Amino acid sequence: MSLIDEVNQKRKEIRTDGYAISISEWVSLYDNKEIDIHPEFQRFYRWSDTQKTNLIESILLGIPIPPIFVSQRKDGVWDVVDGLQRLSTIYQFMGILKDENSINITPLRLEGTKYLPSLEGKEWNDPDDADNSFNQELRLLIKRAKIYVSIILKESDETAKYDLFQRLNTGGSTLSPQEVRNCMLVMINKDFYDWIKLLASYDKFQECISLSDRPLSESYDLELVLRFFDIYIN
């Protein structure tokens, strides 16, 4: 098969769409459970409050935000393939972000920046301090800002979203290889991921591997569980 034939064949396997939608619409998708940002992923992403503030500042200043990549499931719900931290930051700032147990995460309090030093200490809505909250004009500015979405349609090959996730989250990424695998496991089979996590948390296993904080934070204990099974099976 020639190169052009290979290209044409693979292009047929991936169906995509895309358009810009407002942040208000992104919020509506989240509220109506029409988008799955996989809250389990939060532990794998380590944006600081400074990075989160910089995103909000960019939206306020009209600086274009990179597109969000999603995959459309058979039930129509969008799985976030790339853009979790951007969406999570927006949802956290607006006070609607929930963790994997459906508990609201503490709303984001912004830091002052070089261009907008008055952002220092500001929140979306602080009921105890109106002066520390965004006013109606600033809220509407955020809500009306648009972020482009690129959609892998449900008609695409089943492996397309996993290939895209791996491409977008490796190479220059802050995620360790196992953290990328963990995210993909959650998307493919969350029950299996939960089982691996349970095995890794076994006291005797943790005592045996005796890892320091950094490799634990990068899920190296889960990688060792998978390595054990690989050695055992083979």
Foldseek 3Di string as FASTA:
>chain_A
DDPVVVVVVQVVQWDKDKDKDFVLVVVVCVVVVLEPLPLVLVLQDDDDLQNLLVLLVCLLVVNADAAWEWEQAPVRRTYTLDCSVVNQSVCLLLFNDAHPVRHTDHRRQHAADPVRRVSHRAGCDDPVDRVRHDDPVSVVSRRGRIHMYMYGYNSHDPCVSLVVSVVVQDDPHPADPVSNVLVVCCVPPVVVSVVLVVVLPPPVLCVVVVDDPVVVSNVVSSVVSVVVVVVVVD
